[in-house]
C-alpha cells in the first residue's frame, strides 16, 4: 500500500475519532469492525503520520540551508536529501506494520482499497471484494495475469434482476463496468442456487477464472475462459462456457419477466456492453464468480491468503 494512501486513510480515521469517543463504536461502522490490535495500529500510524510529516518539513528546510551554505552539486544534495526523507518516511511505517500480524496489515490494506474505489456505492460488499482480492493476488503471484490490473466480479448472491457484474481497475481506483449478467438456466430462476462443473449441466460455475482469447461463434463475439479451480470450474473450456452478449440480458426483459433470461452456463452480458467489456478484460485478467457456498469458501486454495503475506509485504516496501 502506498504512503499516500495510508496517510489518506489515517486522516479519514482521525476525523472519525471524536465520533468514536463521544458516541461509542456502534455509531462508527469502521471502528465497529475493528479489534483492539487494529485500533492500536491505527493510533500508532496516526502518530507516525504527524511525526514523519514534521521530519519531512525539517529535511526540506535543511536542504535549503545546505544549498545556500555549502557549494556542492545540486544533484548530490537532492539525492542525499531525498534518501533522508525516504528513510524517515518509509521505515516507521514498516516498523509499525512489523509489530502486527500480517493478517491485520492485509485486512487494512484491502479495506482502504475498498473505500478508495467507493465500492459500497455500487452495492458490492466488502467481504466479497476481500475474497476477490485474495484470489487476484494469488493469480498474480502465480504469473497467470497480464499487467492491466483489472478484476471482474460476478456476485451470484444477488438476484439476476440486479446489477451484479463489476470490472474494477485497481490501478485507476475506478469501476469500469457495472451491469447485469446472466446465470445458467439450471442454476435457478431469478436467484442463483445451484452450481456445477459438469458438462451439459447448464449451470454456472463458481470461483476464479482467467480470461482467454476472443472468437466469433454461434453467440457472436465471445471470450473464452479458463477455470483455475479443480472440481469447481476447471472444465469450463470443455463445457464451452464463455462470456458473450445476449438480448435476454436487459432491463426490458426484466420488466417483462421479472428476471433476466438464462444461459447454458455462460455469464452473458447486455448487448450494448458485451463487446466493450470483452475487449477490455480479454487475454489474462481475473474473473471471480461468487456465491455464499460454505463448502467452496472453505475449500478454495485461491481464498487462502496466508502464503501471500510475505510477497505482499515485500511488494509494499518496493512501492514506497
C-alpha atoms as a PDB file:
ATOM      1  CA  UNK A   1       0.000   0.000   0.000  1.00  0.00           C
ATOM      2  CA  UNK A   2       1.418   3.426  -0.908  1.00  0.00           C
ATOM      3  CA  UNK A   3       2.347   6.004   1.729  1.00  0.00           C
ATOM      4  CA  UNK A   4      -0.083   8.464   0.161  1.00  0.00           C
ATOM      5  CA  UNK A   5      -2.982   6.056   0.506  1.00  0.00           C
ATOM      6  CA  UNK A   6      -2.045   5.093   4.062  1.00  0.00           C
ATOM      7  CA  UNK A   7      -1.994   8.758   5.040  1.00  0.00           C
ATOM      8  CA  UNK A   8      -5.325   9.437   3.359  1.00  0.00           C
ATOM      9  CA  UNK A   9      -6.855   6.530   5.259  1.00  0.00           C
ATOM     10  CA  UNK A  10      -5.324   7.736   8.529  1.00  0.00           C
ATOM     11  CA  UNK A  11      -6.672  11.267   8.001  1.00  0.00           C
ATOM     12  CA  UNK A  12     -10.120   9.832   7.378  1.00  0.00           C
ATOM     13  CA  UNK A  13      -9.875   7.790  10.554  1.00  0.00           C
ATOM     14  CA  UNK A  14      -8.666  10.747  12.608  1.00  0.00           C
ATOM     15  CA  UNK A  15     -11.783  12.661  11.585  1.00  0.00           C
ATOM     16  CA  UNK A  16     -13.870   9.785  12.964  1.00  0.00           C
ATOM     17  CA  UNK A  17     -12.174   9.767  16.378  1.00  0.00           C
ATOM     18  CA  UNK A  18     -14.450  12.380  18.049  1.00  0.00           C
ATOM     19  CA  UNK A  19     -17.487  10.476  16.836  1.00  0.00           C
ATOM     20  CA  UNK A  20     -15.994   7.206  18.089  1.00  0.00           C
ATOM     21  CA  UNK A  21     -15.013   8.541  21.520  1.00  0.00           C
ATOM     22  CA  UNK A  22     -18.117  10.622  22.125  1.00  0.00           C
ATOM     23  CA  UNK A  23     -20.821   8.297  20.874  1.00  0.00           C
ATOM     24  CA  UNK A  24     -19.450   4.765  21.124  1.00  0.00           C
ATOM     25  CA  UNK A  25     -18.331   2.330  18.422  1.00  0.00           C
ATOM     26  CA  UNK A  26     -21.835   1.389  17.323  1.00  0.00           C
ATOM     27  CA  UNK A  27     -22.091   4.779  15.596  1.00  0.00           C
ATOM     28  CA  UNK A  28     -18.953   4.266  13.524  1.00  0.00           C
ATOM     29  CA  UNK A  29     -19.098   1.392  11.010  1.00  0.00           C
ATOM     30  CA  UNK A  30     -15.333   1.392  10.565  1.00  0.00           C
ATOM     31  CA  UNK A  31     -14.494   1.160  14.272  1.00  0.00           C
ATOM     32  CA  UNK A  32     -17.281  -1.328  14.847  1.00  0.00           C
ATOM     33  CA  UNK A  33     -15.398  -3.852  12.686  1.00  0.00           C
ATOM     34  CA  UNK A  34     -12.015  -3.319  14.329  1.00  0.00           C
ATOM     35  CA  UNK A  35     -10.477  -5.438  17.024  1.00  0.00           C
ATOM     36  CA  UNK A  36      -8.177  -3.873  19.603  1.00  0.00           C
ATOM     37  CA  UNK A  37      -4.995  -4.781  17.726  1.00  0.00           C
ATOM     38  CA  UNK A  38      -6.146  -2.962  14.585  1.00  0.00           C
ATOM     39  CA  UNK A  39      -7.258   0.059  16.624  1.00  0.00           C
ATOM     40  CA  UNK A  40      -3.837   0.273  18.302  1.00  0.00           C
ATOM     41  CA  UNK A  41      -2.147   0.012  14.910  1.00  0.00           C
ATOM     42  CA  UNK A  42      -4.265   2.878  13.550  1.00  0.00           C
ATOM     43  CA  UNK A  43      -3.399   5.102  16.512  1.00  0.00           C
ATOM     44  CA  UNK A  44       0.318   4.353  16.066  1.00  0.00           C
ATOM     45  CA  UNK A  45       0.126   5.127  12.359  1.00  0.00           C
ATOM     46  CA  UNK A  46      -1.689   8.384  13.107  1.00  0.00           C
ATOM     47  CA  UNK A  47       1.104   9.441  15.456  1.00  0.00           C
ATOM     48  CA  UNK A  48       3.715   8.483  12.866  1.00  0.00           C
ATOM     49  CA  UNK A  49       1.857  10.462  10.222  1.00  0.00           C
ATOM     50  CA  UNK A  50       2.301  13.606  12.310  1.00  0.00           C
ATOM     51  CA  UNK A  51       5.939  12.934  13.222  1.00  0.00           C
ATOM     52  CA  UNK A  52       7.114  11.918   9.749  1.00  0.00           C
ATOM     53  CA  UNK A  53       5.469  14.976   8.232  1.00  0.00           C
ATOM     54  CA  UNK A  54       7.445  17.128  10.660  1.00  0.00           C
ATOM     55  CA  UNK A  55      10.642  15.275   9.740  1.00  0.00           C
ATOM     56  CA  UNK A  56       9.977  15.854   6.048  1.00  0.00           C
ATOM     57  CA  UNK A  57       9.476  19.584   6.575  1.00  0.00           C
ATOM     58  CA  UNK A  58      12.708  19.706   8.576  1.00  0.00           C
ATOM     59  CA  UNK A  59      14.555  17.825   5.823  1.00  0.00           C
ATOM     60  CA  UNK A  60      13.364  20.261   3.163  1.00  0.00           C
ATOM     61  CA  UNK A  61      14.454  23.194   5.311  1.00  0.00           C
ATOM     62  CA  UNK A  62      17.872  21.596   5.937  1.00  0.00           C
ATOM     63  CA  UNK A  63      18.331  21.048   2.218  1.00  0.00           C
ATOM     64  CA  UNK A  64      17.611  24.708   1.531  1.00  0.00           C
ATOM     65  CA  UNK A  65      20.187  25.718   4.161  1.00  0.00           C
ATOM     66  CA  UNK A  66      22.783  23.363   2.694  1.00  0.00           C
ATOM     67  CA  UNK A  67      22.222  24.659  -0.810  1.00  0.00           C
ATOM     68  CA  UNK A  68      22.989  28.211   0.306  1.00  0.00           C
ATOM     69  CA  UNK A  69      25.836  27.398   2.729  1.00  0.00           C
ATOM     70  CA  UNK A  70      27.790  24.594   1.023  1.00  0.00           C
ATOM     71  CA  UNK A  71      28.878  24.751  -2.631  1.00  0.00           C
ATOM     72  CA  UNK A  72      28.002  21.204  -3.778  1.00  0.00           C
ATOM     73  CA  UNK A  73      26.463  19.955  -6.995  1.00  0.00           C
ATOM     74  CA  UNK A  74      22.730  20.327  -6.658  1.00  0.00           C
ATOM     75  CA  UNK A  75      22.155  16.744  -7.846  1.00  0.00           C
ATOM     76  CA  UNK A  76      24.225  15.352  -4.970  1.00  0.00           C
ATOM     77  CA  UNK A  77      22.323  17.458  -2.439  1.00  0.00           C
ATOM     78  CA  UNK A  78      18.987  16.405  -3.862  1.00  0.00           C
ATOM     79  CA  UNK A  79      19.959  12.744  -3.791  1.00  0.00           C
ATOM     80  CA  UNK A  80      21.166  12.952  -0.184  1.00  0.00           C
ATOM     81  CA  UNK A  81      18.092  14.828   0.982  1.00  0.00           C
ATOM     82  CA  UNK A  82      15.793  12.526  -0.967  1.00  0.00           C
ATOM     83  CA  UNK A  83      17.337   9.448   0.639  1.00  0.00           C
ATOM     84  CA  UNK A  84      16.983  11.072   4.085  1.00  0.00           C
ATOM     85  CA  UNK A  85      13.304  11.828   3.508  1.00  0.00           C
ATOM     86  CA  UNK A  86      12.686   8.336   2.114  1.00  0.00           C
ATOM     87  CA  UNK A  87      14.186   6.688   5.180  1.00  0.00           C
ATOM     88  CA  UNK A  88      12.240   8.884   7.576  1.00  0.00           C
ATOM     89  CA  UNK A  89       9.046   8.301   5.616  1.00  0.00           C
ATOM     90  CA  UNK A  90       9.044   4.576   4.976  1.00  0.00           C
ATOM     91  CA  UNK A  91      10.910   2.952   7.840  1.00  0.00           C
ATOM     92  CA  UNK A  92       8.462   3.958  10.612  1.00  0.00           C
ATOM     93  CA  UNK A  93       5.547   2.530   8.612  1.00  0.00           C
ATOM     94  CA  UNK A  94       7.435  -0.716   8.078  1.00  0.00           C
ATOM     95  CA  UNK A  95       8.290  -0.769  11.796  1.00  0.00           C
ATOM     96  CA  UNK A  96       4.668  -0.384  12.867  1.00  0.00           C
ATOM     97  CA  UNK A  97       3.402  -2.963  10.394  1.00  0.00           C
ATOM     98  CA  UNK A  98       6.100  -5.338  11.616  1.00  0.00           C
ATOM     99  CA  UNK A  99       4.623  -5.236  15.126  1.00  0.00           C
ATOM    100  CA  UNK A 100       1.272  -6.595  13.990  1.00  0.00           C
ATOM    101  CA  UNK A 101       0.111  -9.854  12.405  1.00  0.00           C
ATOM    102  CA  UNK A 102       0.245  -9.821   8.603  1.00  0.00           C
ATOM    103  CA  UNK A 103      -3.477 -10.603   8.505  1.00  0.00           C
ATOM    104  CA  UNK A 104      -4.219  -7.209  10.087  1.00  0.00           C
ATOM    105  CA  UNK A 105      -1.985  -5.324   7.657  1.00  0.00           C
ATOM    106  CA  UNK A 106      -3.571  -7.176   4.716  1.00  0.00           C
ATOM    107  CA  UNK A 107      -7.101  -6.560   6.005  1.00  0.00           C
ATOM    108  CA  UNK A 108      -6.493  -2.832   6.459  1.00  0.00           C
ATOM    109  CA  UNK A 109      -4.908  -2.523   3.020  1.00  0.00           C
ATOM    110  CA  UNK A 110      -7.850  -4.196   1.297  1.00  0.00           C
ATOM    111  CA  UNK A 111     -10.331  -2.165   3.359  1.00  0.00           C
ATOM    112  CA  UNK A 112      -8.609   1.088   2.336  1.00  0.00           C
ATOM    113  CA  UNK A 113      -8.728  -0.008  -1.313  1.00  0.00           C
ATOM    114  CA  UNK A 114     -12.432  -0.820  -1.000  1.00  0.00           C
ATOM    115  CA  UNK A 115     -13.080   2.657   0.424  1.00  0.00           C
ATOM    116  CA  UNK A 116     -10.876   4.404  -2.156  1.00  0.00           C
ATOM    117  CA  UNK A 117     -12.865   2.878  -5.042  1.00  0.00           C
ATOM    118  CA  UNK A 118     -16.170   3.656  -3.257  1.00  0.00           C
ATOM    119  CA  UNK A 119     -17.415   0.128  -3.853  1.00  0.00           C
ATOM    120  CA  UNK A 120     -20.120   0.470  -1.232  1.00  0.00           C
ATOM    121  CA  UNK A 121     -21.817   2.886  -3.639  1.00  0.00           C
ATOM    122  CA  UNK A 122     -22.008   0.024  -6.156  1.00  0.00           C
ATOM    123  CA  UNK A 123     -23.655  -2.361  -3.701  1.00  0.00           C
ATOM    124  CA  UNK A 124     -20.629  -4.655  -3.559  1.00  0.00           C
ATOM    125  CA  UNK A 125     -19.987  -5.994  -0.079  1.00  0.00           C
ATOM    126  CA  UNK A 126     -16.569  -5.677   1.480  1.00  0.00           C
ATOM    127  CA  UNK A 127     -16.400  -9.410   2.191  1.00  0.00           C
ATOM    128  CA  UNK A 128     -16.931 -10.305  -1.477  1.00  0.00           C
ATOM    129  CA  UNK A 129     -14.287  -7.787  -2.502  1.00  0.00           C
ATOM    130  CA  UNK A 130     -11.864  -9.215   0.043  1.00  0.00           C
ATOM    131  CA  UNK A 131     -12.385 -12.719  -1.355  1.00  0.00           C
ATOM    132  CA  UNK A 132     -11.874 -11.385  -4.867  1.00  0.00           C
ATOM    133  CA  UNK A 133      -8.679  -9.540  -3.947  1.00  0.00           C
ATOM    134  CA  UNK A 134      -7.246 -12.604  -2.205  1.00  0.00           C
ATOM    135  CA  UNK A 135      -7.727 -14.691  -5.342  1.00  0.00           C
ATOM    136  CA  UNK A 136      -6.482 -11.865  -7.554  1.00  0.00           C
ATOM    137  CA  UNK A 137      -3.216 -11.663  -5.594  1.00  0.00           C
ATOM    138  CA  UNK A 138      -2.851 -15.435  -5.742  1.00  0.00           C
ATOM    139  CA  UNK A 139      -3.289 -15.456  -9.513  1.00  0.00           C
ATOM    140  CA  UNK A 140      -0.861 -12.582  -9.948  1.00  0.00           C
ATOM    141  CA  UNK A 141       1.670 -14.310  -7.709  1.00  0.00           C
ATOM    142  CA  UNK A 142       1.342 -17.410  -9.910  1.00  0.00           C
ATOM    143  CA  UNK A 143       2.004 -15.356 -13.056  1.00  0.00           C
ATOM    144  CA  UNK A 144      -1.439 -16.080 -14.519  1.00  0.00           C
ATOM    145  CA  UNK A 145      -2.433 -12.450 -15.197  1.00  0.00           C
ATOM    146  CA  UNK A 146      -1.387  -9.689 -17.575  1.00  0.00           C
ATOM    147  CA  UNK A 147      -0.274  -6.218 -16.485  1.00  0.00           C
ATOM    148  CA  UNK A 148      -3.669  -4.489 -16.762  1.00  0.00           C
ATOM    149  CA  UNK A 149      -4.522  -4.799 -13.032  1.00  0.00           C
ATOM    150  CA  UNK A 150      -8.179  -5.495 -13.763  1.00  0.00           C
ATOM    151  CA  UNK A 151     -10.516  -7.575 -11.625  1.00  0.00           C
ATOM    152  CA  UNK A 152     -14.023  -8.638 -12.635  1.00  0.00           C
ATOM    153  CA  UNK A 153     -16.542  -9.896 -10.089  1.00  0.00           C
ATOM    154  CA  UNK A 154     -19.842 -11.696 -10.630  1.00  0.00           C
ATOM    155  CA  UNK A 155     -21.846 -11.612  -7.418  1.00  0.00           C
ATOM    156  CA  UNK A 156     -24.264 -14.524  -7.762  1.00  0.00           C
ATOM    157  CA  UNK A 157     -25.599 -13.847  -4.272  1.00  0.00           C
ATOM    158  CA  UNK A 158     -27.660 -11.081  -5.902  1.00  0.00           C
ATOM    159  CA  UNK A 159     -30.766 -11.693  -7.990  1.00  0.00           C
ATOM    160  CA  UNK A 160     -30.378 -11.611 -11.766  1.00  0.00           C
ATOM    161  CA  UNK A 161     -32.687  -8.606 -11.862  1.00  0.00           C
ATOM    162  CA  UNK A 162     -29.967  -6.632 -10.054  1.00  0.00           C
ATOM    163  CA  UNK A 163     -26.685  -5.380 -11.461  1.00  0.00           C
ATOM    164  CA  UNK A 164     -24.057  -7.845 -10.262  1.00  0.00           C
ATOM    165  CA  UNK A 165     -21.185  -7.733 -12.758  1.00  0.00           C
ATOM    166  CA  UNK A 166     -18.251  -5.486 -11.907  1.00  0.00           C
ATOM    167  CA  UNK A 167     -14.992  -4.753 -13.697  1.00  0.00           C
ATOM    168  CA  UNK A 168     -12.650  -2.839 -11.399  1.00  0.00           C
ATOM    169  CA  UNK A 169      -9.480  -1.016 -12.427  1.00  0.00           C
ATOM    170  CA  UNK A 170      -7.239  -1.468  -9.383  1.00  0.00           C
ATOM    171  CA  UNK A 171      -4.654   0.984 -10.693  1.00  0.00           C
ATOM    172  CA  UNK A 172      -7.050   3.812 -11.553  1.00  0.00           C
ATOM    173  CA  UNK A 173      -9.182   3.027  -8.469  1.00  0.00           C
ATOM    174  CA  UNK A 174     -12.325   3.025 -10.563  1.00  0.00           C
ATOM    175  CA  UNK A 175     -15.224   0.783 -11.549  1.00  0.00           C
ATOM    176  CA  UNK A 176     -15.050   0.496 -15.341  1.00  0.00           C
ATOM    177  CA  UNK A 177     -18.223  -1.572 -15.785  1.00  0.00           C
ATOM    178  CA  UNK A 178     -21.220  -2.223 -13.541  1.00  0.00           C
ATOM    179  CA  UNK A 179     -24.028  -4.091 -15.225  1.00  0.00           C
ATOM    180  CA  UNK A 180     -26.263  -7.160 -15.462  1.00  0.00           C
ATOM    181  CA  UNK A 181     -25.070 -10.709 -16.063  1.00  0.00           C
ATOM    182  CA  UNK A 182     -26.996 -13.954 -16.538  1.00  0.00           C
ATOM    183  CA  UNK A 183     -26.605 -17.338 -14.891  1.00  0.00           C
ATOM    184  CA  UNK A 184     -27.261 -20.839 -16.184  1.00  0.00           C
ATOM    185  CA  UNK A 185     -30.841 -21.996 -16.610  1.00  0.00           C
ATOM    186  CA  UNK A 186     -30.349 -24.868 -14.142  1.00  0.00           C
ATOM    187  CA  UNK A 187     -28.707 -22.598 -11.606  1.00  0.00           C
ATOM    188  CA  UNK A 188     -32.022 -21.008 -10.669  1.00  0.00           C
ATOM    189  CA  UNK A 189     -34.788 -18.665 -11.733  1.00  0.00           C
ATOM    190  CA  UNK A 190     -34.192 -15.078 -10.588  1.00  0.00           C
ATOM    191  CA  UNK A 191     -31.942 -16.263  -7.765  1.00  0.00           C
ATOM    192  CA  UNK A 192     -28.880 -18.425  -8.307  1.00  0.00           C
ATOM    193  CA  UNK A 193     -28.982 -21.554  -6.135  1.00  0.00           C
ATOM    194  CA  UNK A 194     -27.040 -24.410  -7.747  1.00  0.00           C
ATOM    195  CA  UNK A 195     -23.634 -24.531  -9.413  1.00  0.00           C
ATOM    196  CA  UNK A 196     -21.744 -27.188 -11.292  1.00  0.00           C
ATOM    197  CA  UNK A 197     -18.550 -28.111 -13.103  1.00  0.00           C
ATOM    198  CA  UNK A 198     -20.244 -30.904 -15.059  1.00  0.00           C
ATOM    199  CA  UNK A 199     -20.542 -30.929 -18.851  1.00  0.00           C
ATOM    200  CA  UNK A 200     -24.125 -30.333 -20.080  1.00  0.00           C
ATOM    201  CA  UNK A 201     -25.275 -29.313 -16.587  1.00  0.00           C
ATOM    202  CA  UNK A 202     -26.418 -25.914 -17.892  1.00  0.00           C
ATOM    203  CA  UNK A 203     -25.317 -24.429 -14.581  1.00  0.00           C
ATOM    204  CA  UNK A 204     -22.941 -21.615 -13.730  1.00  0.00           C
ATOM    205  CA  UNK A 205     -19.589 -22.359 -12.105  1.00  0.00           C
ATOM    206  CA  UNK A 206     -18.150 -20.731  -9.002  1.00  0.00           C
ATOM    207  CA  UNK A 207     -14.642 -19.498  -8.394  1.00  0.00           C
ATOM    208  CA  UNK A 208     -11.807 -17.806 -10.218  1.00  0.00           C
ATOM    209  CA  UNK A 209     -11.378 -17.794 -13.978  1.00  0.00           C
ATOM    210  CA  UNK A 210      -8.756 -16.206 -16.180  1.00  0.00           C
ATOM    211  CA  UNK A 211      -9.909 -14.703 -19.464  1.00  0.00           C
ATOM    212  CA  UNK A 212      -8.553 -16.102 -22.709  1.00  0.00           C
ATOM    213  CA  UNK A 213      -8.872 -15.327 -26.398  1.00  0.00           C
ATOM    214  CA  UNK A 214     -11.810 -13.918 -28.336  1.00  0.00           C
ATOM    215  CA  UNK A 215     -13.611 -15.596 -31.239  1.00  0.00           C
ATOM    216  CA  UNK A 216     -16.822 -15.304 -33.227  1.00  0.00           C
ATOM    217  CA  UNK A 217     -19.157 -18.251 -32.728  1.00  0.00           C
ATOM    218  CA  UNK A 218     -22.837 -19.132 -32.519  1.00  0.00           C
ATOM    219  CA  UNK A 219     -23.327 -16.457 -29.823  1.00  0.00           C
ATOM    220  CA  UNK A 220     -21.431 -13.810 -31.775  1.00  0.00           C
ATOM    221  CA  UNK A 221     -18.330 -12.103 -30.412  1.00  0.00           C
ATOM    222  CA  UNK A 222     -17.286 -14.157 -27.410  1.00  0.00           C
ATOM    223  CA  UNK A 223     -14.494 -14.588 -24.878  1.00  0.00           C
ATOM    224  CA  UNK A 224     -13.098 -17.952 -23.795  1.00  0.00           C
ATOM    225  CA  UNK A 225     -12.379 -18.616 -20.136  1.00  0.00           C
ATOM    226  CA  UNK A 226     -10.012 -20.879 -18.228  1.00  0.00           C
ATOM    227  CA  UNK A 227     -11.126 -22.178 -14.841  1.00  0.00           C
ATOM    228  CA  UNK A 228      -8.464 -22.004 -12.136  1.00  0.00           C
ATOM    229  CA  UNK A 229     -10.072 -24.256  -9.522  1.00  0.00           C
ATOM    230  CA  UNK A 230     -10.139 -28.009  -9.803  1.00  0.00           C
ATOM    231  CA  UNK A 231     -13.532 -29.501  -9.131  1.00  0.00           C
ATOM    232  CA  UNK A 232     -15.310 -26.161  -9.347  1.00  0.00           C
ATOM    233  CA  UNK A 233     -14.614 -24.661 -12.772  1.00  0.00           C
ATOM    234  CA  UNK A 234     -11.632 -26.401 -14.387  1.00  0.00           C
ATOM    235  CA  UNK A 235     -13.882 -27.908 -17.104  1.00  0.00           C
ATOM    236  CA  UNK A 236     -15.097 -24.545 -18.373  1.00  0.00           C
ATOM    237  CA  UNK A 237     -13.310 -24.907 -21.709  1.00  0.00           C
ATOM    238  CA  UNK A 238     -14.717 -28.397 -22.172  1.00  0.00           C
ATOM    239  CA  UNK A 239     -18.183 -27.073 -21.325  1.00  0.00           C
ATOM    240  CA  UNK A 240     -17.784 -24.156 -23.792  1.00  0.00           C
ATOM    241  CA  UNK A 241     -18.709 -21.684 -21.045  1.00  0.00           C
ATOM    242  CA  UNK A 242     -17.747 -18.261 -22.427  1.00  0.00           C
ATOM    243  CA  UNK A 243     -18.571 -14.591 -21.984  1.00  0.00           C
ATOM    244  CA  UNK A 244     -20.884 -13.311 -24.716  1.00  0.00           C
ATOM    245  CA  UNK A 245     -23.728 -10.847 -25.043  1.00  0.00           C
ATOM    246  CA  UNK A 246     -27.420 -11.713 -25.278  1.00  0.00           C
ATOM    247  CA  UNK A 247     -30.640  -9.799 -25.848  1.00  0.00           C
ATOM    248  CA  UNK A 248     -32.212 -11.545 -22.827  1.00  0.00           C
ATOM    249  CA  UNK A 249     -29.820  -9.608 -20.591  1.00  0.00           C
ATOM    250  CA  UNK A 250     -31.623  -6.282 -20.482  1.00  0.00           C
ATOM    251  CA  UNK A 251     -33.872  -4.132 -18.342  1.00  0.00           C
ATOM    252  CA  UNK A 252     -36.678  -4.633 -20.875  1.00  0.00           C
ATOM    253  CA  UNK A 253     -36.505  -8.406 -20.302  1.00  0.00           C
ATOM    254  CA  UNK A 254     -36.554  -7.852 -16.531  1.00  0.00           C
ATOM    255  CA  UNK A 255     -39.619  -5.612 -16.769  1.00  0.00           C
ATOM    256  CA  UNK A 256     -41.443  -8.237 -18.811  1.00  0.00           C
ATOM    257  CA  UNK A 257     -40.453 -11.415 -16.954  1.00  0.00           C
ATOM    258  CA  UNK A 258     -39.207 -10.239 -13.559  1.00  0.00           C
ATOM    259  CA  UNK A 259     -35.712 -11.635 -14.161  1.00  0.00           C
ATOM    260  CA  UNK A 260     -33.038 -11.960 -16.808  1.00  0.00           C
ATOM    261  CA  UNK A 261     -33.074 -14.716 -19.374  1.00  0.00           C
ATOM    262  CA  UNK A 262     -30.804 -17.635 -18.604  1.00  0.00           C
ATOM    263  CA  UNK A 263     -27.907 -19.192 -20.455  1.00  0.00           C
ATOM    264  CA  UNK A 264     -26.444 -22.698 -20.691  1.00  0.00           C
ATOM    265  CA  UNK A 265     -23.978 -21.710 -18.007  1.00  0.00           C
ATOM    266  CA  UNK A 266     -22.327 -18.740 -19.693  1.00  0.00           C
ATOM    267  CA  UNK A 267     -22.094 -15.338 -17.991  1.00  0.00           C
ATOM    268  CA  UNK A 268     -23.963 -13.421 -20.699  1.00  0.00           C
ATOM    269  CA  UNK A 269     -23.824  -9.613 -20.781  1.00  0.00           C
ATOM    270  CA  UNK A 270     -26.049  -6.859 -22.227  1.00  0.00           C
ATOM    271  CA  UNK A 271     -25.772  -6.367 -25.990  1.00  0.00           C
ATOM    272  CA  UNK A 272     -24.804  -2.715 -25.629  1.00  0.00           C
ATOM    273  CA  UNK A 273     -21.842  -3.501 -23.368  1.00  0.00           C
ATOM    274  CA  UNK A 274     -20.769  -7.039 -24.208  1.00  0.00           C
ATOM    275  CA  UNK A 275     -18.151  -6.285 -26.851  1.00  0.00           C
ATOM    276  CA  UNK A 276     -16.736  -3.329 -24.911  1.00  0.00           C
ATOM    277  CA  UNK A 277     -16.313  -5.411 -21.779  1.00  0.00           C
ATOM    278  CA  UNK A 278     -14.808  -8.354 -23.654  1.00  0.00           C
ATOM    279  CA  UNK A 279     -12.233  -6.125 -25.358  1.00  0.00           C
ATOM    280  CA  UNK A 280     -11.203  -4.629 -22.018  1.00  0.00           C
ATOM    281  CA  UNK A 281     -10.915  -7.853 -19.992  1.00  0.00           C
ATOM    282  CA  UNK A 282      -9.626 -10.309 -22.630  1.00  0.00           C
ATOM    283  CA  UNK A 283      -6.229 -12.027 -22.534  1.00  0.00           C
ATOM    284  CA  UNK A 284      -5.448 -12.956 -18.938  1.00  0.00           C
ATOM    285  CA  UNK A 285      -7.433 -10.857 -16.486  1.00  0.00           C
ATOM    286  CA  UNK A 286      -9.132 -12.266 -13.383  1.00  0.00           C
ATOM    287  CA  UNK A 287     -12.837 -13.046 -13.025  1.00  0.00           C
ATOM    288  CA  UNK A 288     -14.350 -14.127  -9.698  1.00  0.00           C
ATOM    289  CA  UNK A 289     -17.787 -15.748  -9.613  1.00  0.00           C
ATOM    290  CA  UNK A 290     -19.002 -15.524  -6.001  1.00  0.00           C
ATOM    291  CA  UNK A 291     -21.778 -17.233  -4.096  1.00  0.00           C
ATOM    292  CA  UNK A 292     -22.109 -17.819  -0.366  1.00  0.00           C
ATOM    293  CA  UNK A 293     -21.291 -21.501  -0.685  1.00  0.00           C
ATOM    294  CA  UNK A 294     -19.580 -22.550   2.546  1.00  0.00           C
ATOM    295  CA  UNK A 295     -18.053 -25.673   1.043  1.00  0.00           C
ATOM    296  CA  UNK A 296     -16.402 -23.671  -1.730  1.00  0.00           C
ATOM    297  CA  UNK A 297     -15.318 -20.822   0.552  1.00  0.00           C
ATOM    298  CA  UNK A 298     -13.646 -23.279   2.916  1.00  0.00           C
ATOM    299  CA  UNK A 299     -12.055 -25.464   0.228  1.00  0.00           C
ATOM    300  CA  UNK A 300     -10.775 -22.909  -2.281  1.00  0.00           C
ATOM    301  CA  UNK A 301      -6.989 -22.546  -2.280  1.00  0.00           C
ATOM    302  CA  UNK A 302      -7.454 -19.254  -4.109  1.00  0.00           C
ATOM    303  CA  UNK A 303      -9.007 -17.791  -0.962  1.00  0.00           C
ATOM    304  CA  UNK A 304      -6.023 -18.730   1.202  1.00  0.00           C
ATOM    305  CA  UNK A 305      -4.035 -15.552   1.810  1.00  0.00           C
ATOM    306  CA  UNK A 306      -1.555 -16.919   4.354  1.00  0.00           C
ATOM    307  CA  UNK A 307       1.234 -17.654   1.874  1.00  0.00           C
ATOM    308  CA  UNK A 308       0.752 -14.282   0.193  1.00  0.00           C
ATOM    309  CA  UNK A 309       1.726 -12.095   3.151  1.00  0.00           C
ATOM    310  CA  UNK A 310       5.488 -12.267   2.655  1.00  0.00           C
ATOM    311  CA  UNK A 311       5.123 -11.440  -1.038  1.00  0.00           C
ATOM    312  CA  UNK A 312       2.670  -8.595  -0.409  1.00  0.00           C
ATOM    313  CA  UNK A 313       4.850  -7.104   2.346  1.00  0.00           C
ATOM    314  CA  UNK A 314       7.874  -7.117   0.022  1.00  0.00           C
ATOM    315  CA  UNK A 315       5.816  -5.507  -2.767  1.00  0.00           C
ATOM    316  CA  UNK A 316       4.568  -2.797  -0.406  1.00  0.00           C
ATOM    317  CA  UNK A 317       8.135  -1.920   0.581  1.00  0.00           C
ATOM    318  CA  UNK A 318       9.172  -1.654  -3.069  1.00  0.00           C
ATOM    319  CA  UNK A 319       6.184   0.604  -3.831  1.00  0.00           C
ATOM    320  CA  UNK A 320       7.326   3.069  -1.139  1.00  0.00           C
END
